C-alpha atoms as a PDB file:
ATOM      1  CA  MET A   1       0.000   0.000   0.000  1.00  0.00           C
ATOM      2  CA  ASN A   2       2.850   2.415   0.838  1.00  0.00           C
ATOM      3  CA  ALA A   3       4.444   1.743  -2.560  1.00  0.00           C
ATOM      4  CA  LYS A   4       1.190   2.567  -4.363  1.00  0.00           C
ATOM      5  CA  LEU A   5       0.734   5.698  -2.262  1.00  0.00           C
ATOM      6  CA  ASN A   6       4.267   6.815  -3.145  1.00  0.00           C
ATOM      7  CA  ILE A   7       3.627   6.289  -6.866  1.00  0.00           C
ATOM      8  CA  ILE A   8       0.319   8.177  -6.646  1.00  0.00           C
ATOM      9  CA  THR A   9       2.030  11.030  -4.772  1.00  0.00           C
ATOM     10  CA  SER A  10       4.849  11.240  -7.326  1.00  0.00           C
ATOM     11  CA  MET A  11       2.327  11.306 -10.203  1.00  0.00           C
ATOM     12  CA  LEU A  12       0.339  14.101  -8.542  1.00  0.00           C
ATOM     13  CA  ILE A  13       3.581  16.044  -8.066  1.00  0.00           C
ATOM     14  CA  PHE A  14       4.524  15.554 -11.730  1.00  0.00           C
ATOM     15  CA  GLY A  15       1.007  16.593 -12.742  1.00  0.00           C
ATOM     16  CA  SER A  16       1.309  19.924 -10.936  1.00  0.00           C
ATOM     17  CA  ILE A  17       4.607  21.065 -12.487  1.00  0.00           C
ATOM     18  CA  GLY A  18       2.957  23.073 -15.267  1.00  0.00           C
ATOM     19  CA  VAL A  19       1.284  25.449 -12.803  1.00  0.00           C
ATOM     20  CA  PHE A  20       4.674  26.330 -11.292  1.00  0.00           C
ATOM     21  CA  VAL A  21       6.529  26.583 -14.614  1.00  0.00           C
ATOM     22  CA  LYS A  22       3.871  28.990 -15.915  1.00  0.00           C
ATOM     23  CA  ASN A  23       4.824  31.353 -13.073  1.00  0.00           C
ATOM     24  CA  ILE A  24       8.587  31.311 -13.668  1.00  0.00           C
ATOM     25  CA  ASN A  25       9.742  34.026 -16.066  1.00  0.00           C
ATOM     26  CA  LEU A  26      12.943  32.326 -17.214  1.00  0.00           C
ATOM     27  CA  PRO A  27      14.007  31.022 -20.644  1.00  0.00           C
ATOM     28  CA  SER A  28      13.226  27.306 -20.942  1.00  0.00           C
ATOM     29  CA  ALA A  29      16.894  26.260 -21.207  1.00  0.00           C
ATOM     30  CA  GLU A  30      17.788  28.107 -18.017  1.00  0.00           C
ATOM     31  CA  LEU A  31      14.828  26.646 -16.138  1.00  0.00           C
ATOM     32  CA  ALA A  32      15.695  23.140 -17.372  1.00  0.00           C
ATOM     33  CA  PHE A  33      19.255  23.671 -16.080  1.00  0.00           C
ATOM     34  CA  PHE A  34      18.087  24.696 -12.609  1.00  0.00           C
ATOM     35  CA  ARG A  35      15.652  21.776 -12.492  1.00  0.00           C
ATOM     36  CA  SER A  36      18.362  19.244 -13.349  1.00  0.00           C
ATOM     37  CA  PHE A  37      21.022  20.904 -11.159  1.00  0.00           C
ATOM     38  CA  ILE A  38      18.854  21.238  -8.029  1.00  0.00           C
ATOM     39  CA  GLY A  39      17.281  17.809  -8.591  1.00  0.00           C
ATOM     40  CA  SER A  40      20.642  16.069  -8.980  1.00  0.00           C
ATOM     41  CA  LEU A  41      22.050  17.919  -5.951  1.00  0.00           C
ATOM     42  CA  PHE A  42      19.080  16.713  -3.881  1.00  0.00           C
ATOM     43  CA  LEU A  43      19.602  13.096  -4.977  1.00  0.00           C
ATOM     44  CA  VAL A  44      23.350  13.311  -4.252  1.00  0.00           C
ATOM     45  CA  CYS A  45      22.476  14.483  -0.707  1.00  0.00           C
ATOM     46  CA  VAL A  46      20.079  11.532  -0.372  1.00  0.00           C
ATOM     47  CA  CYS A  47      22.874   9.152  -1.421  1.00  0.00           C
ATOM     48  CA  TYR A  48      25.229  10.679   1.153  1.00  0.00           C
ATOM     49  CA  LEU A  49      22.713  10.675   4.032  1.00  0.00           C
ATOM     50  CA  THR A  50      21.457   7.135   3.358  1.00  0.00           C
ATOM     51  CA  LYS A  51      24.968   5.846   2.541  1.00  0.00           C
ATOM     52  CA  LYS A  52      23.634   4.510  -0.750  1.00  0.00           C
ATOM     53  CA  LYS A  53      26.390   2.916  -2.817  1.00  0.00           C
ATOM     54  CA  ILE A  54      26.820   3.989  -6.441  1.00  0.00           C
ATOM     55  CA  SER A  55      28.316   1.490  -8.909  1.00  0.00           C
ATOM     56  CA  PHE A  56      30.955   3.627 -10.621  1.00  0.00           C
ATOM     57  CA  GLN A  57      32.177   0.606 -12.594  1.00  0.00           C
ATOM     58  CA  SER A  58      28.708   0.156 -14.109  1.00  0.00           C
ATOM     59  CA  ILE A  59      28.493   3.897 -14.782  1.00  0.00           C
ATOM     60  CA  LYS A  60      31.788   3.680 -16.686  1.00  0.00           C
ATOM     61  CA  GLN A  61      30.475   0.722 -18.723  1.00  0.00           C
ATOM     62  CA  ASN A  62      27.336   2.658 -19.710  1.00  0.00           C
ATOM     63  CA  LEU A  63      28.919   6.120 -19.887  1.00  0.00           C
ATOM     64  CA  LEU A  64      28.208   6.900 -23.560  1.00  0.00           C
ATOM     65  CA  LEU A  65      24.529   5.954 -23.284  1.00  0.00           C
ATOM     66  CA  LEU A  66      24.193   7.894 -20.027  1.00  0.00           C
ATOM     67  CA  LEU A  67      25.708  11.021 -21.593  1.00  0.00           C
ATOM     68  CA  ILE A  68      23.495  10.867 -24.692  1.00  0.00           C
ATOM     69  CA  SER A  69      20.315  10.047 -22.757  1.00  0.00           C
ATOM     70  CA  GLY A  70      21.099  12.724 -20.152  1.00  0.00           C
ATOM     71  CA  THR A  71      21.468  15.316 -22.899  1.00  0.00           C
ATOM     72  CA  ALA A  72      18.179  14.136 -24.438  1.00  0.00           C
ATOM     73  CA  LEU A  73      16.513  14.444 -21.016  1.00  0.00           C
ATOM     74  CA  GLY A  74      17.614  18.076 -20.715  1.00  0.00           C
ATOM     75  CA  LEU A  75      16.456  18.907 -24.257  1.00  0.00           C
ATOM     76  CA  ASN A  76      13.158  17.147 -23.555  1.00  0.00           C
ATOM     77  CA  TRP A  77      12.512  19.449 -20.587  1.00  0.00           C
ATOM     78  CA  ILE A  78      13.317  22.509 -22.696  1.00  0.00           C
ATOM     79  CA  SER A  79      10.740  21.344 -25.253  1.00  0.00           C
ATOM     80  CA  LEU A  80       8.099  20.717 -22.582  1.00  0.00           C
ATOM     81  CA  PHE A  81       8.655  24.120 -20.956  1.00  0.00           C
ATOM     82  CA  GLN A  82       8.444  25.755 -24.397  1.00  0.00           C
ATOM     83  CA  ALA A  83       5.141  23.941 -24.955  1.00  0.00           C
ATOM     84  CA  TYR A  84       3.807  25.478 -21.723  1.00  0.00           C
ATOM     85  CA  LYS A  85       4.680  28.937 -23.081  1.00  0.00           C
ATOM     86  CA  TYR A  86       2.734  28.543 -26.322  1.00  0.00           C
ATOM     87  CA  THR A  87      -0.309  26.508 -25.284  1.00  0.00           C
ATOM     88  CA  THR A  88      -2.232  25.472 -22.181  1.00  0.00           C
ATOM     89  CA  VAL A  89      -0.780  23.068 -19.624  1.00  0.00           C
ATOM     90  CA  SER A  90      -3.440  20.460 -20.445  1.00  0.00           C
ATOM     91  CA  ILE A  91      -2.801  20.503 -24.212  1.00  0.00           C
ATOM     92  CA  ALA A  92       0.995  20.573 -23.709  1.00  0.00           C
ATOM     93  CA  THR A  93       0.792  17.610 -21.312  1.00  0.00           C
ATOM     94  CA  LEU A  94      -1.426  15.536 -23.605  1.00  0.00           C
ATOM     95  CA  SER A  95       0.863  16.259 -26.585  1.00  0.00           C
ATOM     96  CA  TYR A  96       3.875  15.306 -24.466  1.00  0.00           C
ATOM     97  CA  TYR A  97       2.136  12.077 -23.474  1.00  0.00           C
ATOM     98  CA  PHE A  98       2.602  10.929 -27.059  1.00  0.00           C
ATOM     99  CA  ALA A  99       6.003   9.558 -25.915  1.00  0.00           C
ATOM    100  CA  PRO A 100       4.754   5.963 -25.314  1.00  0.00           C
ATOM    101  CA  VAL A 101       3.287   5.983 -28.835  1.00  0.00           C
ATOM    102  CA  PHE A 102       6.705   6.844 -30.287  1.00  0.00           C
ATOM    103  CA  VAL A 103       8.174   3.991 -28.231  1.00  0.00           C
ATOM    104  CA  ILE A 104       5.644   1.609 -29.846  1.00  0.00           C
ATOM    105  CA  ILE A 105       6.511   2.956 -33.321  1.00  0.00           C
ATOM    106  CA  LEU A 106      10.296   2.758 -32.832  1.00  0.00           C
ATOM    107  CA  SER A 107      10.467  -0.521 -30.862  1.00  0.00           C
ATOM    108  CA  PRO A 108      10.365  -2.768 -33.984  1.00  0.00           C
ATOM    109  CA  LEU A 109      13.394  -0.909 -35.392  1.00  0.00           C
ATOM    110  CA  ILE A 110      15.434  -0.519 -32.206  1.00  0.00           C
ATOM    111  CA  LEU A 111      14.317  -3.328 -29.884  1.00  0.00           C
ATOM    112  CA  ARG A 112      13.283  -5.799 -32.613  1.00  0.00           C
ATOM    113  CA  GLU A 113       9.822  -6.065 -31.091  1.00  0.00           C
ATOM    114  CA  LYS A 114       6.926  -7.123 -33.314  1.00  0.00           C
ATOM    115  CA  LEU A 115       4.423  -4.421 -34.312  1.00  0.00           C
ATOM    116  CA  THR A 116       1.154  -6.304 -33.789  1.00  0.00           C
ATOM    117  CA  PRO A 117      -2.218  -5.236 -35.262  1.00  0.00           C
ATOM    118  CA  LEU A 118      -3.316  -4.201 -31.752  1.00  0.00           C
ATOM    119  CA  LYS A 119      -0.257  -1.955 -31.331  1.00  0.00           C
ATOM    120  CA  THR A 120      -0.896  -0.480 -34.779  1.00  0.00           C
ATOM    121  CA  GLY A 121      -4.456   0.251 -33.648  1.00  0.00           C
ATOM    122  CA  CYS A 122      -3.061   2.081 -30.592  1.00  0.00           C
ATOM    123  CA  VAL A 123      -0.917   4.289 -32.840  1.00  0.00           C
ATOM    124  CA  ILE A 124      -3.881   5.110 -35.105  1.00  0.00           C
ATOM    125  CA  MET A 125      -6.023   5.899 -32.048  1.00  0.00           C
ATOM    126  CA  ALA A 126      -3.355   8.247 -30.693  1.00  0.00           C
ATOM    127  CA  LEU A 127      -2.996  10.021 -34.052  1.00  0.00           C
ATOM    128  CA  ALA A 128      -6.770  10.501 -34.172  1.00  0.00           C
ATOM    129  CA  GLY A 129      -6.613  11.967 -30.659  1.00  0.00           C
ATOM    130  CA  LEU A 130      -3.838  14.358 -31.679  1.00  0.00           C
ATOM    131  CA  PHE A 131      -5.898  15.500 -34.683  1.00  0.00           C
ATOM    132  CA  LEU A 132      -8.820  16.304 -32.367  1.00  0.00           C
ATOM    133  CA  ILE A 133      -6.579  18.196 -29.918  1.00  0.00           C
ATOM    134  CA  LEU A 134      -5.349  20.303 -32.836  1.00  0.00           C
ATOM    135  CA  ASN A 135      -8.933  21.501 -33.176  1.00  0.00           C
ATOM    136  CA  THR A 136      -8.292  24.601 -31.043  1.00  0.00           C
ATOM    137  CA  GLY A 137     -10.166  27.138 -33.113  1.00  0.00           C
ATOM    138  CA  ASN A 138     -13.406  26.925 -31.133  1.00  0.00           C
ATOM    139  CA  ASN A 139     -11.774  27.554 -27.761  1.00  0.00           C
ATOM    140  CA  ALA A 140     -12.277  31.313 -27.466  1.00  0.00           C
ATOM    141  CA  ALA A 141     -10.872  31.333 -23.920  1.00  0.00           C
ATOM    142  CA  THR A 142      -7.342  30.643 -25.163  1.00  0.00           C
ATOM    143  CA  ALA A 143      -7.326  31.234 -28.925  1.00  0.00           C
ATOM    144  CA  GLY A 144      -6.101  34.845 -28.703  1.00  0.00           C
ATOM    145  CA  SER A 145      -3.315  34.398 -26.142  1.00  0.00           C
ATOM    146  CA  TYR A 146      -1.652  31.222 -27.432  1.00  0.00           C
ATOM    147  CA  ASN A 147      -0.057  29.719 -30.516  1.00  0.00           C
ATOM    148  CA  HIS A 148      -1.463  26.228 -29.973  1.00  0.00           C
ATOM    149  CA  LEU A 149       0.130  24.657 -33.062  1.00  0.00           C
ATOM    150  CA  LYS A 150       3.586  25.819 -31.956  1.00  0.00           C
ATOM    151  CA  GLY A 151       2.932  24.629 -28.394  1.00  0.00           C
ATOM    152  CA  ILE A 152       1.745  21.212 -29.566  1.00  0.00           C
ATOM    153  CA  SER A 153       4.796  20.945 -31.854  1.00  0.00           C
ATOM    154  CA  TYR A 154       7.086  21.561 -28.879  1.00  0.00           C
ATOM    155  CA  GLY A 155       5.091  19.003 -26.872  1.00  0.00           C
ATOM    156  CA  ILE A 156       5.527  16.413 -29.636  1.00  0.00           C
ATOM    157  CA  LEU A 157       9.264  17.208 -29.866  1.00  0.00           C
ATOM    158  CA  GLY A 158       9.506  16.670 -26.106  1.00  0.00           C
ATOM    159  CA  ALA A 159       7.686  13.356 -26.542  1.00  0.00           C
ATOM    160  CA  VAL A 160      10.175  12.223 -29.210  1.00  0.00           C
ATOM    161  CA  LEU A 161      13.113  13.132 -26.962  1.00  0.00           C
ATOM    162  CA  TYR A 162      11.583  11.416 -23.926  1.00  0.00           C
ATOM    163  CA  ALA A 163      10.836   8.319 -26.031  1.00  0.00           C
ATOM    164  CA  SER A 164      14.523   8.255 -27.003  1.00  0.00           C
ATOM    165  CA  VAL A 165      15.461   8.350 -23.296  1.00  0.00           C
ATOM    166  CA  ILE A 166      13.084   5.434 -22.581  1.00  0.00           C
ATOM    167  CA  LEU A 167      14.560   3.390 -25.446  1.00  0.00           C
ATOM    168  CA  MET A 168      18.182   4.159 -24.497  1.00  0.00           C
ATOM    169  CA  ASN A 169      17.447   3.137 -20.904  1.00  0.00           C
ATOM    170  CA  LYS A 170      16.576  -0.336 -22.243  1.00  0.00           C
ATOM    171  CA  PHE A 171      20.242  -0.796 -23.184  1.00  0.00           C
ATOM    172  CA  ILE A 172      21.710   0.420 -19.876  1.00  0.00           C
ATOM    173  CA  LYS A 173      22.915  -2.572 -17.847  1.00  0.00           C
ATOM    174  CA  ASN A 174      23.680  -3.176 -14.149  1.00  0.00           C
ATOM    175  CA  LEU A 175      22.426   0.217 -12.958  1.00  0.00           C
ATOM    176  CA  SER A 176      19.311   0.896 -10.901  1.00  0.00           C
ATOM    177  CA  GLY A 177      16.714   3.403 -12.088  1.00  0.00           C
ATOM    178  CA  PHE A 178      17.872   5.727  -9.304  1.00  0.00           C
ATOM    179  CA  GLU A 179      21.528   5.595 -10.399  1.00  0.00           C
ATOM    180  CA  THR A 180      20.616   6.026 -14.061  1.00  0.00           C
ATOM    181  CA  THR A 181      18.422   9.051 -13.355  1.00  0.00           C
ATOM    182  CA  LEU A 182      21.052  10.642 -11.096  1.00  0.00           C
ATOM    183  CA  ILE A 183      23.752  10.473 -13.790  1.00  0.00           C
ATOM    184  CA  GLN A 184      21.307  11.658 -16.453  1.00  0.00           C
ATOM    185  CA  LEU A 185      20.341  14.661 -14.312  1.00  0.00           C
ATOM    186  CA  ILE A 186      23.996  15.558 -13.705  1.00  0.00           C
ATOM    187  CA  THR A 187      24.701  15.214 -17.440  1.00  0.00           C
ATOM    188  CA  ALA A 188      21.712  17.395 -18.319  1.00  0.00           C
ATOM    189  CA  ALA A 189      22.850  20.048 -15.826  1.00  0.00           C
ATOM    190  CA  VAL A 190      26.405  20.138 -17.216  1.00  0.00           C
ATOM    191  CA  VAL A 191      25.327  20.232 -20.889  1.00  0.00           C
ATOM    192  CA  LEU A 192      22.704  22.930 -20.276  1.00  0.00           C
ATOM    193  CA  LEU A 193      25.130  25.014 -18.197  1.00  0.00           C
ATOM    194  CA  ILE A 194      27.715  24.926 -20.999  1.00  0.00           C
ATOM    195  CA  SER A 195      25.027  25.975 -23.493  1.00  0.00           C
ATOM    196  CA  ILE A 196      23.798  28.844 -21.282  1.00  0.00           C
ATOM    197  CA  LEU A 197      27.332  30.136 -20.606  1.00  0.00           C
ATOM    198  CA  TYR A 198      28.273  29.862 -24.288  1.00  0.00           C
ATOM    199  CA  LYS A 199      25.258  31.967 -25.277  1.00  0.00           C
ATOM    200  CA  ASN A 200      25.809  34.281 -22.289  1.00  0.00           C
ATOM    201  CA  ASN A 201      22.110  33.830 -21.617  1.00  0.00           C
ATOM    202  CA  ILE A 202      21.730  34.166 -17.824  1.00  0.00           C
ATOM    203  CA  HIS A 203      18.572  35.788 -16.436  1.00  0.00           C
ATOM    204  CA  ILE A 204      18.356  34.396 -12.885  1.00  0.00           C
ATOM    205  CA  GLY A 205      19.097  37.843 -11.409  1.00  0.00           C
ATOM    206  CA  GLU A 206      16.088  39.356 -13.186  1.00  0.00           C
ATOM    207  CA  ILE A 207      13.341  37.148 -11.751  1.00  0.00           C
ATOM    208  CA  SER A 208      11.023  37.814  -8.810  1.00  0.00           C
ATOM    209  CA  HIS A 209      11.383  36.250  -5.351  1.00  0.00           C
ATOM    210  CA  LYS A 210       8.181  34.280  -6.016  1.00  0.00           C
ATOM    211  CA  ALA A 211       9.644  32.794  -9.207  1.00  0.00           C
ATOM    212  CA  LEU A 212      12.864  31.940  -7.347  1.00  0.00           C
ATOM    213  CA  VAL A 213      10.863  29.989  -4.750  1.00  0.00           C
ATOM    214  CA  PHE A 214       9.052  28.175  -7.574  1.00  0.00           C
ATOM    215  CA  ILE A 215      12.396  27.225  -9.166  1.00  0.00           C
ATOM    216  CA  PHE A 216      13.456  25.504  -5.934  1.00  0.00           C
ATOM    217  CA  ILE A 217      10.053  23.783  -5.720  1.00  0.00           C
ATOM    218  CA  VAL A 218      10.444  22.472  -9.289  1.00  0.00           C
ATOM    219  CA  GLY A 219      14.003  21.302  -8.558  1.00  0.00           C
ATOM    220  CA  ILE A 220      13.447  19.765  -5.122  1.00  0.00           C
ATOM    221  CA  LEU A 221       9.797  18.656  -5.158  1.00  0.00           C
ATOM    222  CA  HIS A 222       9.064  17.947  -8.831  1.00  0.00           C
ATOM    223  CA  THR A 223      12.467  16.411  -9.543  1.00  0.00           C
ATOM    224  CA  GLY A 224      14.340  15.237  -6.442  1.00  0.00           C
ATOM    225  CA  ILE A 225      11.458  14.122  -4.198  1.00  0.00           C
ATOM    226  CA  ALA A 226       9.171  12.928  -7.011  1.00  0.00           C
ATOM    227  CA  TYR A 227      11.886  10.770  -8.594  1.00  0.00           C
ATOM    228  CA  LEU A 228      12.932   9.444  -5.178  1.00  0.00           C
ATOM    229  CA  LEU A 229       9.340   8.389  -4.380  1.00  0.00           C
ATOM    230  CA  TYR A 230       8.974   6.826  -7.807  1.00  0.00           C
ATOM    231  CA  PHE A 231      12.193   4.806  -7.904  1.00  0.00           C
ATOM    232  CA  THR A 232      11.927   3.566  -4.312  1.00  0.00           C
ATOM    233  CA  SER A 233       8.457   2.176  -5.074  1.00  0.00           C
ATOM    234  CA  ILE A 234       8.539   0.656  -8.567  1.00  0.00           C
ATOM    235  CA  LYS A 235      10.478  -2.402  -7.378  1.00  0.00           C
ATOM    236  CA  LYS A 236       7.581  -3.282  -5.054  1.00  0.00           C
ATOM    237  CA  LEU A 237       4.855  -3.116  -7.729  1.00  0.00           C
ATOM    238  CA  ASP A 238       4.136  -5.056 -10.909  1.00  0.00           C
ATOM    239  CA  GLY A 239       4.420  -3.361 -14.286  1.00  0.00           C
ATOM    240  CA  GLN A 240       0.670  -3.253 -14.896  1.00  0.00           C
ATOM    241  CA  SER A 241      -0.009  -1.418 -11.612  1.00  0.00           C
ATOM    242  CA  ILE A 242       2.706   1.138 -12.409  1.00  0.00           C
ATOM    243  CA  ALA A 243       1.300   1.634 -15.923  1.00  0.00           C
ATOM    244  CA  ILE A 244      -2.209   2.260 -14.593  1.00  0.00           C
ATOM    245  CA  LEU A 245      -1.092   4.595 -11.788  1.00  0.00           C
ATOM    246  CA  SER A 246       1.104   6.619 -14.183  1.00  0.00           C
ATOM    247  CA  TYR A 247      -2.046   8.002 -15.824  1.00  0.00           C
ATOM    248  CA  ILE A 248      -2.690  10.043 -12.699  1.00  0.00           C
ATOM    249  CA  ASP A 249       0.025  12.414 -14.013  1.00  0.00           C
ATOM    250  CA  PRO A 250      -1.688  13.716 -17.199  1.00  0.00           C
ATOM    251  CA  ILE A 251      -5.206  13.512 -15.763  1.00  0.00           C
ATOM    252  CA  SER A 252      -4.234  15.491 -12.657  1.00  0.00           C
ATOM    253  CA  ALA A 253      -2.381  18.025 -14.867  1.00  0.00           C
ATOM    254  CA  VAL A 254      -5.633  18.757 -16.723  1.00  0.00           C
ATOM    255  CA  PHE A 255      -7.621  19.231 -13.498  1.00  0.00           C
ATOM    256  CA  ILE A 256      -4.911  21.229 -11.687  1.00  0.00           C
ATOM    257  CA  SER A 257      -4.457  23.622 -14.628  1.00  0.00           C
ATOM    258  CA  ALA A 258      -8.232  24.108 -14.796  1.00  0.00           C
ATOM    259  CA  ILE A 259      -8.472  24.879 -11.055  1.00  0.00           C
ATOM    260  CA  PHE A 260      -5.387  27.084 -10.594  1.00  0.00           C
ATOM    261  CA  LEU A 261      -4.926  28.615 -14.055  1.00  0.00           C
ATOM    262  CA  GLY A 262      -8.526  28.684 -15.252  1.00  0.00           C
ATOM    263  CA  GLU A 263      -7.581  26.795 -18.421  1.00  0.00           C
ATOM    264  CA  THR A 264     -10.312  25.089 -20.419  1.00  0.00           C
ATOM    265  CA  MET A 265     -10.587  22.497 -23.182  1.00  0.00           C
ATOM    266  CA  THR A 266     -13.307  22.009 -25.769  1.00  0.00           C
ATOM    267  CA  LEU A 267     -15.299  18.764 -25.767  1.00  0.00           C
ATOM    268  CA  ILE A 268     -13.518  17.711 -28.970  1.00  0.00           C
ATOM    269  CA  GLN A 269     -10.108  18.261 -27.335  1.00  0.00           C
ATOM    270  CA  ILE A 270     -11.168  16.274 -24.260  1.00  0.00           C
ATOM    271  CA  ILE A 271     -12.175  13.371 -26.523  1.00  0.00           C
ATOM    272  CA  GLY A 272      -8.802  13.698 -28.281  1.00  0.00           C
ATOM    273  CA  GLY A 273      -6.988  13.592 -24.955  1.00  0.00           C
ATOM    274  CA  LEU A 274      -8.906  10.484 -23.918  1.00  0.00           C
ATOM    275  CA  LEU A 275      -7.960   8.801 -27.201  1.00  0.00           C
ATOM    276  CA  ILE A 276      -4.249   9.536 -26.644  1.00  0.00           C
ATOM    277  CA  LEU A 277      -4.323   8.361 -23.018  1.00  0.00           C
ATOM    278  CA  GLY A 278      -6.443   5.341 -23.983  1.00  0.00           C
ATOM    279  CA  SER A 279      -4.004   4.336 -26.727  1.00  0.00           C
ATOM    280  CA  THR A 280      -0.950   4.578 -24.458  1.00  0.00           C
ATOM    281  CA  PHE A 281      -2.836   2.761 -21.689  1.00  0.00           C
ATOM    282  CA  LEU A 282      -3.656  -0.132 -24.050  1.00  0.00           C
ATOM    283  CA  GLY A 283      -0.034  -0.151 -25.209  1.00  0.00           C
ATOM    284  CA  GLU A 284       1.179  -0.510 -21.606  1.00  0.00           C
ATOM    285  CA  ILE A 285      -1.353  -3.263 -20.855  1.00  0.00           C
ATOM    286  CA  ILE A 286      -0.268  -5.168 -23.980  1.00  0.00           C
ATOM    287  CA  LYS A 287       3.396  -4.812 -22.977  1.00  0.00           C
ATOM    288  CA  ASN A 288       2.780  -5.999 -19.428  1.00  0.00           C
END
């Protein structure tokens, strides 16, 4: 029961990130850096306090994959945060949740898994859902203040990048999910810092105290604590339970953005969202 509660809590935390990001007036790359830096620092402190051993030999064996996947993780966050800027949290989240569909599409090529008729049906269902979400013209509440197509495009790009992280993780051997995520976060922080310094694009001194507090919340709560809860619990649950509970993330994101940001979706977009979530849910059930 505690494991399920931890997974549910982590999903609710992930689902609320959009509300905080919307209130942080930083470029997406800079925010992604602070998220990965603060999150990795938190997990390093956890390792030190709990005397958790890290397998440096295994890290060395998987170093290239960890560096590439860590970079992809950082770029994926930039894309997601950009999506939040150009569309609503709910639409950005549902577009981003296309990642499992890309995993289904790419698995036959990369993992040599068979693309069954049922999996093909899941992909078609998800594409139909995306088409319906693109129907933003009737939503007068947001049509004037957003560029939905651009936001959805960033969400899809984030989904592609996150799918690549998922697939690369399949090839990482002898490392726990915690260790893998820690190294990926450190990698993301280093790569993003180099990029920010190279472009001389630092704006942290220009933000409000409220935004600064939100940055620490995103780094500590939405990254460090959420990942810690998730990875300490998945070993105690079967894959099907984890797959089902993971849908709390996008569903809660829709409700939280509606309550705290006053964002709305048309009926057609809601149906589209359900098709995307339904397709990825079926894909997870088939896999497990």
